[in-house]
Amino acid sequence: MLSPPHSSGERSIMLSSLDKLVAWVLTGFLAILTIFFNMYLLLINQRNYRKSAKHRLNPADFIVTAISMASISLQVLTYFWQTMDVIDTVCRISLAGAILLVLIFSVKFIIFWSTAFLTFYYGTKLVVEPVHCYTRIQEAIVKHVHTALALIVLSGFANCVPLLSVLTYYNGTSTGLSDCGSIMPTDTTGLAYIFYYVIISDIVPGIVMVKCSISISYHLAKHLLDMKASTNGAHGPKLGTQMRVIKMTLSLVVVFVVFVIVDIFTQMTVVLMRQNTLALTILFASIYTTVSAFVLVYGKKSYWKELIANYNLFLDEYPCLSGMKVEEVKTEPHEHSHGH
């Protein structure tokens, strides 16, 4: 399926038309899953908004809503780009492909930083920092969730729109590429900007998430030791309300770190090795949004319980599918929303 390099001295693996077709089909399948999970999150949060006495979402649900909207947008954009990449083999509409790529990287930036912000938020709620000044900064940021998310969205487009100046939105056959509108800087300035984008969109939010996950893990370990040393078990209920959100947060960090490693490698193959593997970068972004959406649903026990209940209710309509039922989750009486 993988075509040989274009020159004898070039050690590279180029994607064939069949490879791109497979990536296109996989992206479509992932888009269905991602849209399903994120629409479920949006509907649940909309219901929570209507039930709220002040008609306001708590900060965690608001951040999750922003991530869900951005994830759905990313999947639509990635599917359009994959469609264009498969159909437009001679790059007649390369400029449109380049604009789609810029939008994809902008929305990906928004998702990454919003996820880092969600991890940061949970870190402030689960961990009490001993440094008073740092705690004050954390509290100030958390109090202005709407403003912080607005800045993330603006930063996403402000940092990515200049990519149009380093994208090659012409027929790339002269450079051995068949990706229309590829990320292909032609000078040192363009290359420097690509590295800047990778650092600001992948590495910096990754550092924030890893730092928060370390703090949360330390808090969990300390809490477990306190529970072990305690004779009255007073810490038990509190840990029960936190354990699932801790697992969810750490899972989001692991998924993010794995994706960033793969994302940086695939971007290097495009920019530095001049390979036509941009379709893989887009595919991996789709995989990330699908997995992270599942983690967000599974991480809230009440959300997961309701989803399983609705799934089983749907299967009740078709007795022949009764064997596909999933055992429903029991919610502890003390469990409340982790966003408060």
C-alpha atoms as a PDB file:
ATOM      1  CA  MET A   1       0.000   0.000   0.000  1.00  0.00           C
ATOM      2  CA  LEU A   2       2.905   2.359   0.644  1.00  0.00           C
ATOM      3  CA  SER A   3       4.583   3.651  -2.468  1.00  0.00           C
ATOM      4  CA  PRO A   4       8.385   3.724  -2.758  1.00  0.00           C
ATOM      5  CA  PRO A   5      10.430   6.924  -2.448  1.00  0.00           C
ATOM      6  CA  HIS A   6      10.626   9.246  -5.414  1.00  0.00           C
ATOM      7  CA  SER A   7      14.404   9.134  -5.604  1.00  0.00           C
ATOM      8  CA  SER A   8      16.940   6.439  -4.920  1.00  0.00           C
ATOM      9  CA  GLY A   9      18.767   8.496  -2.282  1.00  0.00           C
ATOM     10  CA  GLU A  10      15.609   9.547  -0.432  1.00  0.00           C
ATOM     11  CA  ARG A  11      14.661   7.403   2.535  1.00  0.00           C
ATOM     12  CA  SER A  12      10.960   8.076   2.903  1.00  0.00           C
ATOM     13  CA  ILE A  13       7.587   6.363   2.822  1.00  0.00           C
ATOM     14  CA  MET A  14       5.016   8.083   0.663  1.00  0.00           C
ATOM     15  CA  LEU A  15       1.300   7.499   1.016  1.00  0.00           C
ATOM     16  CA  SER A  16      -0.402   5.999  -2.027  1.00  0.00           C
ATOM     17  CA  SER A  17      -3.912   6.863  -3.200  1.00  0.00           C
ATOM     18  CA  LEU A  18      -5.187   3.695  -1.507  1.00  0.00           C
ATOM     19  CA  ASP A  19      -3.564   4.705   1.785  1.00  0.00           C
ATOM     20  CA  LYS A  20      -5.301   8.076   1.630  1.00  0.00           C
ATOM     21  CA  LEU A  21      -8.608   6.405   0.787  1.00  0.00           C
ATOM     22  CA  VAL A  22      -8.293   4.166   3.875  1.00  0.00           C
ATOM     23  CA  ALA A  23      -7.463   7.210   6.027  1.00  0.00           C
ATOM     24  CA  TRP A  24     -10.513   8.989   4.589  1.00  0.00           C
ATOM     25  CA  VAL A  25     -12.831   6.085   5.457  1.00  0.00           C
ATOM     26  CA  LEU A  26     -11.373   5.789   8.967  1.00  0.00           C
ATOM     27  CA  THR A  27     -11.777   9.537   9.504  1.00  0.00           C
ATOM     28  CA  GLY A  28     -15.449   9.265   8.543  1.00  0.00           C
ATOM     29  CA  PHE A  29     -15.997   6.420  11.022  1.00  0.00           C
ATOM     30  CA  LEU A  30     -14.186   8.325  13.779  1.00  0.00           C
ATOM     31  CA  ALA A  31     -16.221  11.438  12.974  1.00  0.00           C
ATOM     32  CA  ILE A  32     -19.448   9.532  13.658  1.00  0.00           C
ATOM     33  CA  LEU A  33     -18.189   8.365  17.073  1.00  0.00           C
ATOM     34  CA  THR A  34     -16.791  11.774  17.994  1.00  0.00           C
ATOM     35  CA  ILE A  35     -19.949  13.639  17.024  1.00  0.00           C
ATOM     36  CA  PHE A  36     -22.066  11.100  18.934  1.00  0.00           C
ATOM     37  CA  PHE A  37     -20.103  11.400  22.200  1.00  0.00           C
ATOM     38  CA  ASN A  38     -19.752  15.172  21.989  1.00  0.00           C
ATOM     39  CA  MET A  39     -23.389  15.749  21.065  1.00  0.00           C
ATOM     40  CA  TYR A  40     -24.310  13.617  24.087  1.00  0.00           C
ATOM     41  CA  LEU A  41     -22.113  15.851  26.279  1.00  0.00           C
ATOM     42  CA  LEU A  42     -23.666  18.993  24.784  1.00  0.00           C
ATOM     43  CA  LEU A  43     -27.221  17.731  25.341  1.00  0.00           C
ATOM     44  CA  ILE A  44     -26.492  16.754  28.949  1.00  0.00           C
ATOM     45  CA  ASN A  45     -24.881  20.131  29.654  1.00  0.00           C
ATOM     46  CA  GLN A  46     -27.784  21.934  28.010  1.00  0.00           C
ATOM     47  CA  ARG A  47     -30.157  20.058  30.309  1.00  0.00           C
ATOM     48  CA  ASN A  48     -27.999  20.973  33.311  1.00  0.00           C
ATOM     49  CA  TYR A  49     -28.099  24.606  32.179  1.00  0.00           C
ATOM     50  CA  ARG A  50     -31.897  24.600  32.018  1.00  0.00           C
ATOM     51  CA  LYS A  51     -32.233  22.882  35.394  1.00  0.00           C
ATOM     52  CA  SER A  52     -29.832  25.300  37.074  1.00  0.00           C
ATOM     53  CA  ALA A  53     -31.567  27.904  39.231  1.00  0.00           C
ATOM     54  CA  LYS A  54     -29.256  30.649  37.903  1.00  0.00           C
ATOM     55  CA  HIS A  55     -29.248  29.218  34.353  1.00  0.00           C
ATOM     56  CA  ARG A  56     -25.487  28.862  34.487  1.00  0.00           C
ATOM     57  CA  LEU A  57     -23.127  25.944  33.916  1.00  0.00           C
ATOM     58  CA  ASN A  58     -20.463  25.193  36.476  1.00  0.00           C
ATOM     59  CA  PRO A  59     -16.915  25.911  35.197  1.00  0.00           C
ATOM     60  CA  ALA A  60     -16.065  22.271  34.441  1.00  0.00           C
ATOM     61  CA  ASP A  61     -19.208  21.722  32.352  1.00  0.00           C
ATOM     62  CA  PHE A  62     -18.630  25.029  30.559  1.00  0.00           C
ATOM     63  CA  ILE A  63     -15.096  24.001  29.593  1.00  0.00           C
ATOM     64  CA  VAL A  64     -16.315  20.554  28.496  1.00  0.00           C
ATOM     65  CA  THR A  65     -19.004  22.251  26.378  1.00  0.00           C
ATOM     66  CA  ALA A  66     -16.322  24.344  24.652  1.00  0.00           C
ATOM     67  CA  ILE A  67     -14.191  21.235  24.032  1.00  0.00           C
ATOM     68  CA  SER A  68     -17.189  19.348  22.612  1.00  0.00           C
ATOM     69  CA  MET A  69     -18.115  22.142  20.200  1.00  0.00           C
ATOM     70  CA  ALA A  70     -14.512  22.456  19.041  1.00  0.00           C
ATOM     71  CA  SER A  71     -14.173  18.666  18.640  1.00  0.00           C
ATOM     72  CA  ILE A  72     -17.269  18.456  16.448  1.00  0.00           C
ATOM     73  CA  SER A  73     -15.962  21.352  14.346  1.00  0.00           C
ATOM     74  CA  LEU A  74     -12.569  19.667  14.013  1.00  0.00           C
ATOM     75  CA  GLN A  75     -14.092  16.401  12.831  1.00  0.00           C
ATOM     76  CA  VAL A  76     -16.174  18.162  10.175  1.00  0.00           C
ATOM     77  CA  LEU A  77     -13.134  20.117   8.954  1.00  0.00           C
ATOM     78  CA  THR A  78     -10.863  17.051   8.910  1.00  0.00           C
ATOM     79  CA  TYR A  79     -13.413  15.045   6.934  1.00  0.00           C
ATOM     80  CA  PHE A  80     -13.777  17.857   4.380  1.00  0.00           C
ATOM     81  CA  TRP A  81      -9.990  18.080   4.023  1.00  0.00           C
ATOM     82  CA  GLN A  82      -9.612  14.298   3.646  1.00  0.00           C
ATOM     83  CA  THR A  83     -12.380  14.343   1.019  1.00  0.00           C
ATOM     84  CA  MET A  84     -10.614  17.115  -0.891  1.00  0.00           C
ATOM     85  CA  ASP A  85      -7.248  15.361  -0.586  1.00  0.00           C
ATOM     86  CA  VAL A  86      -8.650  12.129  -2.056  1.00  0.00           C
ATOM     87  CA  ILE A  87     -10.766  13.691  -4.814  1.00  0.00           C
ATOM     88  CA  ASP A  88      -8.607  16.655  -5.895  1.00  0.00           C
ATOM     89  CA  THR A  89      -5.505  14.699  -6.946  1.00  0.00           C
ATOM     90  CA  VAL A  90      -4.150  17.488  -9.193  1.00  0.00           C
ATOM     91  CA  CYS A  91      -4.616  20.258  -6.614  1.00  0.00           C
ATOM     92  CA  ARG A  92      -7.034  22.423  -8.596  1.00  0.00           C
ATOM     93  CA  ILE A  93      -8.428  23.888  -5.370  1.00  0.00           C
ATOM     94  CA  SER A  94      -5.228  23.983  -3.330  1.00  0.00           C
ATOM     95  CA  LEU A  95      -6.022  27.338  -1.745  1.00  0.00           C
ATOM     96  CA  ALA A  96      -9.233  25.901  -0.276  1.00  0.00           C
ATOM     97  CA  GLY A  97      -7.202  22.975   1.087  1.00  0.00           C
ATOM     98  CA  ALA A  98      -4.702  25.360   2.673  1.00  0.00           C
ATOM     99  CA  ILE A  99      -7.494  27.392   4.318  1.00  0.00           C
ATOM    100  CA  LEU A 100      -9.065  24.175   5.652  1.00  0.00           C
ATOM    101  CA  LEU A 101      -5.697  23.163   7.092  1.00  0.00           C
ATOM    102  CA  VAL A 102      -5.328  26.494   8.865  1.00  0.00           C
ATOM    103  CA  LEU A 103      -8.815  26.098  10.350  1.00  0.00           C
ATOM    104  CA  ILE A 104      -7.971  22.534  11.416  1.00  0.00           C
ATOM    105  CA  PHE A 105      -4.795  23.635  13.203  1.00  0.00           C
ATOM    106  CA  SER A 106      -6.626  26.574  14.785  1.00  0.00           C
ATOM    107  CA  VAL A 107      -9.388  24.355  16.197  1.00  0.00           C
ATOM    108  CA  LYS A 108      -6.821  21.752  17.296  1.00  0.00           C
ATOM    109  CA  PHE A 109      -5.004  24.524  19.183  1.00  0.00           C
ATOM    110  CA  ILE A 110      -8.300  25.457  20.887  1.00  0.00           C
ATOM    111  CA  ILE A 111      -9.015  21.832  21.867  1.00  0.00           C
ATOM    112  CA  PHE A 112      -5.533  21.278  23.290  1.00  0.00           C
ATOM    113  CA  TRP A 113      -5.499  24.438  25.373  1.00  0.00           C
ATOM    114  CA  SER A 114      -9.108  23.939  26.539  1.00  0.00           C
ATOM    115  CA  THR A 115      -8.227  20.409  27.663  1.00  0.00           C
ATOM    116  CA  ALA A 116      -5.155  21.770  29.462  1.00  0.00           C
ATOM    117  CA  PHE A 117      -7.414  24.383  31.086  1.00  0.00           C
ATOM    118  CA  LEU A 118      -9.832  21.640  32.213  1.00  0.00           C
ATOM    119  CA  THR A 119      -6.916  19.725  33.761  1.00  0.00           C
ATOM    120  CA  PHE A 120      -5.739  22.942  35.410  1.00  0.00           C
ATOM    121  CA  TYR A 121      -9.240  23.543  36.786  1.00  0.00           C
ATOM    122  CA  TYR A 122      -9.476  20.075  38.316  1.00  0.00           C
ATOM    123  CA  GLY A 123      -5.999  20.546  39.729  1.00  0.00           C
ATOM    124  CA  THR A 124      -7.108  23.690  41.555  1.00  0.00           C
ATOM    125  CA  LYS A 125     -10.137  21.882  42.965  1.00  0.00           C
ATOM    126  CA  LEU A 126      -8.375  18.693  44.011  1.00  0.00           C
ATOM    127  CA  VAL A 127      -5.009  20.012  45.150  1.00  0.00           C
ATOM    128  CA  VAL A 128      -4.327  22.739  47.700  1.00  0.00           C
ATOM    129  CA  GLU A 129      -1.001  24.343  46.813  1.00  0.00           C
ATOM    130  CA  PRO A 130       1.182  25.412  49.755  1.00  0.00           C
ATOM    131  CA  VAL A 131       2.375  28.540  47.886  1.00  0.00           C
ATOM    132  CA  HIS A 132      -0.133  31.279  48.713  1.00  0.00           C
ATOM    133  CA  CYS A 133       0.762  33.540  45.766  1.00  0.00           C
ATOM    134  CA  TYR A 134       0.407  30.692  43.270  1.00  0.00           C
ATOM    135  CA  THR A 135      -2.933  29.729  44.818  1.00  0.00           C
ATOM    136  CA  ARG A 136      -4.185  33.292  44.385  1.00  0.00           C
ATOM    137  CA  ILE A 137      -3.233  33.206  40.689  1.00  0.00           C
ATOM    138  CA  GLN A 138      -5.031  29.881  40.240  1.00  0.00           C
ATOM    139  CA  GLU A 139      -8.172  31.207  41.890  1.00  0.00           C
ATOM    140  CA  ALA A 140      -8.109  34.347  39.748  1.00  0.00           C
ATOM    141  CA  ILE A 141      -7.901  32.298  36.544  1.00  0.00           C
ATOM    142  CA  VAL A 142     -10.648  29.870  37.602  1.00  0.00           C
ATOM    143  CA  LYS A 143     -12.982  32.755  38.494  1.00  0.00           C
ATOM    144  CA  HIS A 144     -12.746  34.032  34.903  1.00  0.00           C
ATOM    145  CA  VAL A 145     -13.382  30.801  32.992  1.00  0.00           C
ATOM    146  CA  HIS A 146     -15.393  32.516  30.229  1.00  0.00           C
ATOM    147  CA  THR A 147     -12.681  35.116  29.640  1.00  0.00           C
ATOM    148  CA  ALA A 148      -9.934  32.476  29.652  1.00  0.00           C
ATOM    149  CA  LEU A 149     -11.761  30.354  27.069  1.00  0.00           C
ATOM    150  CA  ALA A 150     -12.417  33.414  24.896  1.00  0.00           C
ATOM    151  CA  LEU A 151      -8.675  34.167  24.959  1.00  0.00           C
ATOM    152  CA  ILE A 152      -7.908  30.549  24.026  1.00  0.00           C
ATOM    153  CA  VAL A 153     -10.229  30.758  20.995  1.00  0.00           C
ATOM    154  CA  LEU A 154      -8.757  34.092  19.872  1.00  0.00           C
ATOM    155  CA  SER A 155      -5.218  32.805  20.384  1.00  0.00           C
ATOM    156  CA  GLY A 156      -6.000  29.710  18.326  1.00  0.00           C
ATOM    157  CA  PHE A 157      -6.829  31.753  15.238  1.00  0.00           C
ATOM    158  CA  ALA A 158      -4.238  34.470  15.890  1.00  0.00           C
ATOM    159  CA  ASN A 159      -1.420  31.924  16.082  1.00  0.00           C
ATOM    160  CA  CYS A 160      -2.566  29.794  13.144  1.00  0.00           C
ATOM    161  CA  VAL A 161      -3.775  32.227  10.473  1.00  0.00           C
ATOM    162  CA  PRO A 162      -0.159  33.301   9.692  1.00  0.00           C
ATOM    163  CA  LEU A 163       0.434  29.676   8.646  1.00  0.00           C
ATOM    164  CA  LEU A 164      -1.103  30.651   5.297  1.00  0.00           C
ATOM    165  CA  SER A 165       2.125  32.484   4.565  1.00  0.00           C
ATOM    166  CA  VAL A 166       4.145  29.245   4.863  1.00  0.00           C
ATOM    167  CA  LEU A 167       1.679  26.809   3.275  1.00  0.00           C
ATOM    168  CA  THR A 168       2.255  25.676  -0.306  1.00  0.00           C
ATOM    169  CA  TYR A 169      -1.209  25.953  -1.832  1.00  0.00           C
ATOM    170  CA  TYR A 170      -0.123  24.900  -5.300  1.00  0.00           C
ATOM    171  CA  ASN A 171       0.471  21.554  -7.018  1.00  0.00           C
ATOM    172  CA  GLY A 172       3.144  19.942  -4.886  1.00  0.00           C
ATOM    173  CA  THR A 173       4.365  17.404  -7.473  1.00  0.00           C
ATOM    174  CA  SER A 174       7.512  19.458  -8.053  1.00  0.00           C
ATOM    175  CA  THR A 175       8.609  18.727  -4.476  1.00  0.00           C
ATOM    176  CA  GLY A 176       7.466  15.108  -4.546  1.00  0.00           C
ATOM    177  CA  LEU A 177       4.312  15.791  -2.541  1.00  0.00           C
ATOM    178  CA  SER A 178       0.716  15.072  -3.434  1.00  0.00           C
ATOM    179  CA  ASP A 179      -0.884  16.843  -0.457  1.00  0.00           C
ATOM    180  CA  CYS A 180      -2.575  20.010  -1.629  1.00  0.00           C
ATOM    181  CA  GLY A 181      -1.753  22.996   0.553  1.00  0.00           C
ATOM    182  CA  SER A 182       0.829  21.149   2.615  1.00  0.00           C
ATOM    183  CA  ILE A 183       2.729  22.692   5.516  1.00  0.00           C
ATOM    184  CA  MET A 184       5.852  23.337   3.544  1.00  0.00           C
ATOM    185  CA  PRO A 185       7.927  26.382   4.560  1.00  0.00           C
ATOM    186  CA  THR A 186      10.217  27.640   1.834  1.00  0.00           C
ATOM    187  CA  ASP A 187      12.616  29.664   4.003  1.00  0.00           C
ATOM    188  CA  THR A 188      14.066  29.924   7.504  1.00  0.00           C
ATOM    189  CA  THR A 189      11.294  32.252   8.665  1.00  0.00           C
ATOM    190  CA  GLY A 190       8.611  29.781   7.646  1.00  0.00           C
ATOM    191  CA  LEU A 191      10.441  26.902   9.295  1.00  0.00           C
ATOM    192  CA  ALA A 192      10.867  28.930  12.493  1.00  0.00           C
ATOM    193  CA  TYR A 193       7.144  29.684  12.535  1.00  0.00           C
ATOM    194  CA  ILE A 194       6.274  25.995  12.180  1.00  0.00           C
ATOM    195  CA  PHE A 195       8.486  25.196  15.185  1.00  0.00           C
ATOM    196  CA  TYR A 196       6.873  28.052  17.105  1.00  0.00           C
ATOM    197  CA  TYR A 197       3.413  26.656  16.325  1.00  0.00           C
ATOM    198  CA  VAL A 198       4.370  23.142  17.500  1.00  0.00           C
ATOM    199  CA  ILE A 199       5.789  24.525  20.755  1.00  0.00           C
ATOM    200  CA  ILE A 200       2.832  26.809  21.533  1.00  0.00           C
ATOM    201  CA  SER A 201       0.097  24.355  20.473  1.00  0.00           C
ATOM    202  CA  ASP A 202       1.509  20.958  21.500  1.00  0.00           C
ATOM    203  CA  ILE A 203       4.378  21.242  23.958  1.00  0.00           C
ATOM    204  CA  VAL A 204       3.298  24.129  26.233  1.00  0.00           C
ATOM    205  CA  PRO A 205      -0.246  22.791  26.956  1.00  0.00           C
ATOM    206  CA  GLY A 206       1.358  19.375  27.409  1.00  0.00           C
ATOM    207  CA  ILE A 207       3.657  20.800  30.085  1.00  0.00           C
ATOM    208  CA  VAL A 208       0.644  22.362  31.835  1.00  0.00           C
ATOM    209  CA  MET A 209      -1.238  19.063  31.786  1.00  0.00           C
ATOM    210  CA  VAL A 210       1.720  16.982  32.968  1.00  0.00           C
ATOM    211  CA  LYS A 211       2.392  19.441  35.811  1.00  0.00           C
ATOM    212  CA  CYS A 212      -1.245  19.267  36.920  1.00  0.00           C
ATOM    213  CA  SER A 213      -1.310  15.471  36.637  1.00  0.00           C
ATOM    214  CA  ILE A 214       1.790  15.196  38.819  1.00  0.00           C
ATOM    215  CA  SER A 215       0.150  17.422  41.450  1.00  0.00           C
ATOM    216  CA  ILE A 216      -3.059  15.376  41.317  1.00  0.00           C
ATOM    217  CA  SER A 217      -1.156  12.078  41.517  1.00  0.00           C
ATOM    218  CA  TYR A 218       0.812  13.327  44.515  1.00  0.00           C
ATOM    219  CA  HIS A 219      -2.442  14.463  46.141  1.00  0.00           C
ATOM    220  CA  LEU A 220      -4.000  11.038  45.515  1.00  0.00           C
ATOM    221  CA  ALA A 221      -1.008   9.158  46.932  1.00  0.00           C
ATOM    222  CA  LYS A 222      -0.920  11.391  50.005  1.00  0.00           C
ATOM    223  CA  HIS A 223      -4.670  10.986  50.472  1.00  0.00           C
ATOM    224  CA  LEU A 224      -4.431   7.197  50.273  1.00  0.00           C
ATOM    225  CA  LEU A 225      -1.655   7.209  52.870  1.00  0.00           C
ATOM    226  CA  ASP A 226      -3.782   9.410  55.127  1.00  0.00           C
ATOM    227  CA  MET A 227      -6.677   6.991  54.722  1.00  0.00           C
ATOM    228  CA  LYS A 228      -4.448   4.060  55.572  1.00  0.00           C
ATOM    229  CA  ALA A 229      -3.175   5.817  58.693  1.00  0.00           C
ATOM    230  CA  SER A 230      -6.670   6.895  59.720  1.00  0.00           C
ATOM    231  CA  THR A 231      -8.625   4.710  62.107  1.00  0.00           C
ATOM    232  CA  ASN A 232     -12.036   6.307  61.677  1.00  0.00           C
ATOM    233  CA  GLY A 233     -12.199   6.189  57.875  1.00  0.00           C
ATOM    234  CA  ALA A 234     -13.228   9.828  57.680  1.00  0.00           C
ATOM    235  CA  HIS A 235     -11.540  10.319  54.334  1.00  0.00           C
ATOM    236  CA  GLY A 236     -13.414   7.535  52.573  1.00  0.00           C
ATOM    237  CA  PRO A 237     -16.451   9.396  51.227  1.00  0.00           C
ATOM    238  CA  LYS A 238     -14.384  12.343  50.015  1.00  0.00           C
ATOM    239  CA  LEU A 239     -12.073  10.073  48.050  1.00  0.00           C
ATOM    240  CA  GLY A 240     -15.081   8.322  46.546  1.00  0.00           C
ATOM    241  CA  THR A 241     -16.359  11.568  45.055  1.00  0.00           C
ATOM    242  CA  GLN A 242     -12.929  12.422  43.646  1.00  0.00           C
ATOM    243  CA  MET A 243     -11.534   9.106  42.413  1.00  0.00           C
ATOM    244  CA  ARG A 244     -13.397   8.962  39.101  1.00  0.00           C
ATOM    245  CA  VAL A 245     -12.558  12.545  38.123  1.00  0.00           C
ATOM    246  CA  ILE A 246      -8.929  11.909  39.085  1.00  0.00           C
ATOM    247  CA  LYS A 247      -8.864   8.852  36.807  1.00  0.00           C
ATOM    248  CA  MET A 248     -10.514  10.862  34.025  1.00  0.00           C
ATOM    249  CA  THR A 249      -8.039  13.735  34.334  1.00  0.00           C
ATOM    250  CA  LEU A 250      -5.006  11.450  34.351  1.00  0.00           C
ATOM    251  CA  SER A 251      -6.439   9.517  31.381  1.00  0.00           C
ATOM    252  CA  LEU A 252      -6.849  12.768  29.430  1.00  0.00           C
ATOM    253  CA  VAL A 253      -3.210  13.617  30.133  1.00  0.00           C
ATOM    254  CA  VAL A 254      -1.972  10.179  29.006  1.00  0.00           C
ATOM    255  CA  VAL A 255      -4.051  10.329  25.804  1.00  0.00           C
ATOM    256  CA  PHE A 256      -2.779  13.852  25.128  1.00  0.00           C
ATOM    257  CA  VAL A 257       0.904  12.994  25.683  1.00  0.00           C
ATOM    258  CA  VAL A 258       0.697   9.941  23.411  1.00  0.00           C
ATOM    259  CA  PHE A 259      -1.013  11.988  20.709  1.00  0.00           C
ATOM    260  CA  VAL A 260       1.502  14.857  20.951  1.00  0.00           C
ATOM    261  CA  ILE A 261       4.415  12.460  20.435  1.00  0.00           C
ATOM    262  CA  VAL A 262       2.749  10.974  17.349  1.00  0.00           C
ATOM    263  CA  ASP A 263       1.621  14.409  16.104  1.00  0.00           C
ATOM    264  CA  ILE A 264       5.099  15.935  16.344  1.00  0.00           C
ATOM    265  CA  PHE A 265       6.616  12.954  14.541  1.00  0.00           C
ATOM    266  CA  THR A 266       4.122  13.075  11.665  1.00  0.00           C
ATOM    267  CA  GLN A 267       4.548  16.846  11.326  1.00  0.00           C
ATOM    268  CA  MET A 268       8.316  16.323  11.150  1.00  0.00           C
ATOM    269  CA  THR A 269       7.832  13.845   8.294  1.00  0.00           C
ATOM    270  CA  VAL A 270       5.904  16.517   6.406  1.00  0.00           C
ATOM    271  CA  VAL A 271       8.033  19.580   7.144  1.00  0.00           C
ATOM    272  CA  LEU A 272      11.554  18.177   7.448  1.00  0.00           C
ATOM    273  CA  MET A 273      11.416  14.931   5.448  1.00  0.00           C
ATOM    274  CA  ARG A 274       9.117  16.303   2.700  1.00  0.00           C
ATOM    275  CA  GLN A 275       6.754  13.315   2.820  1.00  0.00           C
ATOM    276  CA  ASN A 276       3.060  13.374   1.878  1.00  0.00           C
ATOM    277  CA  THR A 277       1.947  12.072   5.298  1.00  0.00           C
ATOM    278  CA  LEU A 278      -0.293  15.025   6.162  1.00  0.00           C
ATOM    279  CA  ALA A 279      -3.309  12.700   5.876  1.00  0.00           C
ATOM    280  CA  LEU A 280      -1.886  10.729   8.818  1.00  0.00           C
ATOM    281  CA  THR A 281      -1.609  13.919  10.896  1.00  0.00           C
ATOM    282  CA  ILE A 282      -5.282  14.621  10.190  1.00  0.00           C
ATOM    283  CA  LEU A 283      -6.251  11.012  10.968  1.00  0.00           C
ATOM    284  CA  PHE A 284      -4.423  11.033  14.313  1.00  0.00           C
ATOM    285  CA  ALA A 285      -6.184  14.285  15.248  1.00  0.00           C
ATOM    286  CA  SER A 286      -9.501  12.520  14.592  1.00  0.00           C
ATOM    287  CA  ILE A 287      -8.444   9.576  16.757  1.00  0.00           C
ATOM    288  CA  TYR A 288      -7.505  11.954  19.579  1.00  0.00           C
ATOM    289  CA  THR A 289     -10.880  13.751  19.558  1.00  0.00           C
ATOM    290  CA  THR A 290     -12.722  10.413  19.573  1.00  0.00           C
ATOM    291  CA  VAL A 291     -10.755   8.952  22.488  1.00  0.00           C
ATOM    292  CA  SER A 292     -10.824  12.160  24.546  1.00  0.00           C
ATOM    293  CA  ALA A 293     -14.607  12.489  24.029  1.00  0.00           C
ATOM    294  CA  PHE A 294     -15.081   8.926  25.294  1.00  0.00           C
ATOM    295  CA  VAL A 295     -12.893   9.688  28.336  1.00  0.00           C
ATOM    296  CA  LEU A 296     -14.948  12.800  29.115  1.00  0.00           C
ATOM    297  CA  VAL A 297     -18.203  10.807  29.003  1.00  0.00           C
ATOM    298  CA  TYR A 298     -16.844   7.882  30.986  1.00  0.00           C
ATOM    299  CA  GLY A 299     -15.212  10.177  33.525  1.00  0.00           C
ATOM    300  CA  LYS A 300     -18.550  11.471  34.816  1.00  0.00           C
ATOM    301  CA  LYS A 301     -20.307   8.513  36.402  1.00  0.00           C
ATOM    302  CA  SER A 302     -23.803  10.012  36.093  1.00  0.00           C
ATOM    303  CA  TYR A 303     -23.207  10.688  32.367  1.00  0.00           C
ATOM    304  CA  TRP A 304     -21.925   7.173  31.761  1.00  0.00           C
ATOM    305  CA  LYS A 305     -24.761   5.594  33.752  1.00  0.00           C
ATOM    306  CA  GLU A 306     -27.374   7.492  31.744  1.00  0.00           C
ATOM    307  CA  LEU A 307     -25.715   6.608  28.442  1.00  0.00           C
ATOM    308  CA  ILE A 308     -25.658   2.888  29.305  1.00  0.00           C
ATOM    309  CA  ALA A 309     -29.291   3.042  30.480  1.00  0.00           C
ATOM    310  CA  ASN A 310     -30.379   4.672  27.195  1.00  0.00           C
ATOM    311  CA  TYR A 311     -28.343   2.144  25.211  1.00  0.00           C
ATOM    312  CA  ASN A 312     -30.023  -0.778  26.993  1.00  0.00           C
ATOM    313  CA  LEU A 313     -33.421   0.872  26.565  1.00  0.00           C
ATOM    314  CA  PHE A 314     -32.782   1.107  22.838  1.00  0.00           C
ATOM    315  CA  LEU A 315     -31.882  -2.605  22.682  1.00  0.00           C
ATOM    316  CA  ASP A 316     -35.130  -3.457  24.479  1.00  0.00           C
ATOM    317  CA  GLU A 317     -36.914  -2.495  21.262  1.00  0.00           C
ATOM    318  CA  TYR A 318     -35.066  -5.290  19.444  1.00  0.00           C
ATOM    319  CA  PRO A 319     -35.184  -8.589  21.424  1.00  0.00           C
ATOM    320  CA  CYS A 320     -32.764 -10.232  19.004  1.00  0.00           C
ATOM    321  CA  LEU A 321     -30.063  -7.794  20.194  1.00  0.00           C
ATOM    322  CA  SER A 322     -30.618  -8.423  23.910  1.00  0.00           C
ATOM    323  CA  GLY A 323     -27.263 -10.195  24.120  1.00  0.00           C
ATOM    324  CA  MET A 324     -25.504  -6.880  23.423  1.00  0.00           C
ATOM    325  CA  LYS A 325     -26.799  -5.251  26.613  1.00  0.00           C
ATOM    326  CA  VAL A 326     -24.291  -3.747  29.040  1.00  0.00           C
ATOM    327  CA  GLU A 327     -24.540  -4.051  32.805  1.00  0.00           C
ATOM    328  CA  GLU A 328     -25.715  -0.735  34.221  1.00  0.00           C
ATOM    329  CA  VAL A 329     -23.612   1.305  36.636  1.00  0.00           C
ATOM    330  CA  LYS A 330     -24.754   1.873  40.191  1.00  0.00           C
ATOM    331  CA  THR A 331     -24.218   5.414  41.456  1.00  0.00           C
ATOM    332  CA  GLU A 332     -23.227   5.898  45.078  1.00  0.00           C
ATOM    333  CA  PRO A 333     -25.583   8.127  47.081  1.00  0.00           C
ATOM    334  CA  HIS A 334     -22.755  10.510  47.980  1.00  0.00           C
ATOM    335  CA  GLU A 335     -21.678  11.138  44.399  1.00  0.00           C
ATOM    336  CA  HIS A 336     -22.245  14.634  43.108  1.00  0.00           C
ATOM    337  CA  SER A 337     -21.141  16.666  40.150  1.00  0.00           C
ATOM    338  CA  HIS A 338     -17.385  16.995  39.958  1.00  0.00           C
ATOM    339  CA  GLY A 339     -17.627  20.449  38.486  1.00  0.00           C
ATOM    340  CA  HIS A 340     -18.661  22.158  41.716  1.00  0.00           C
END
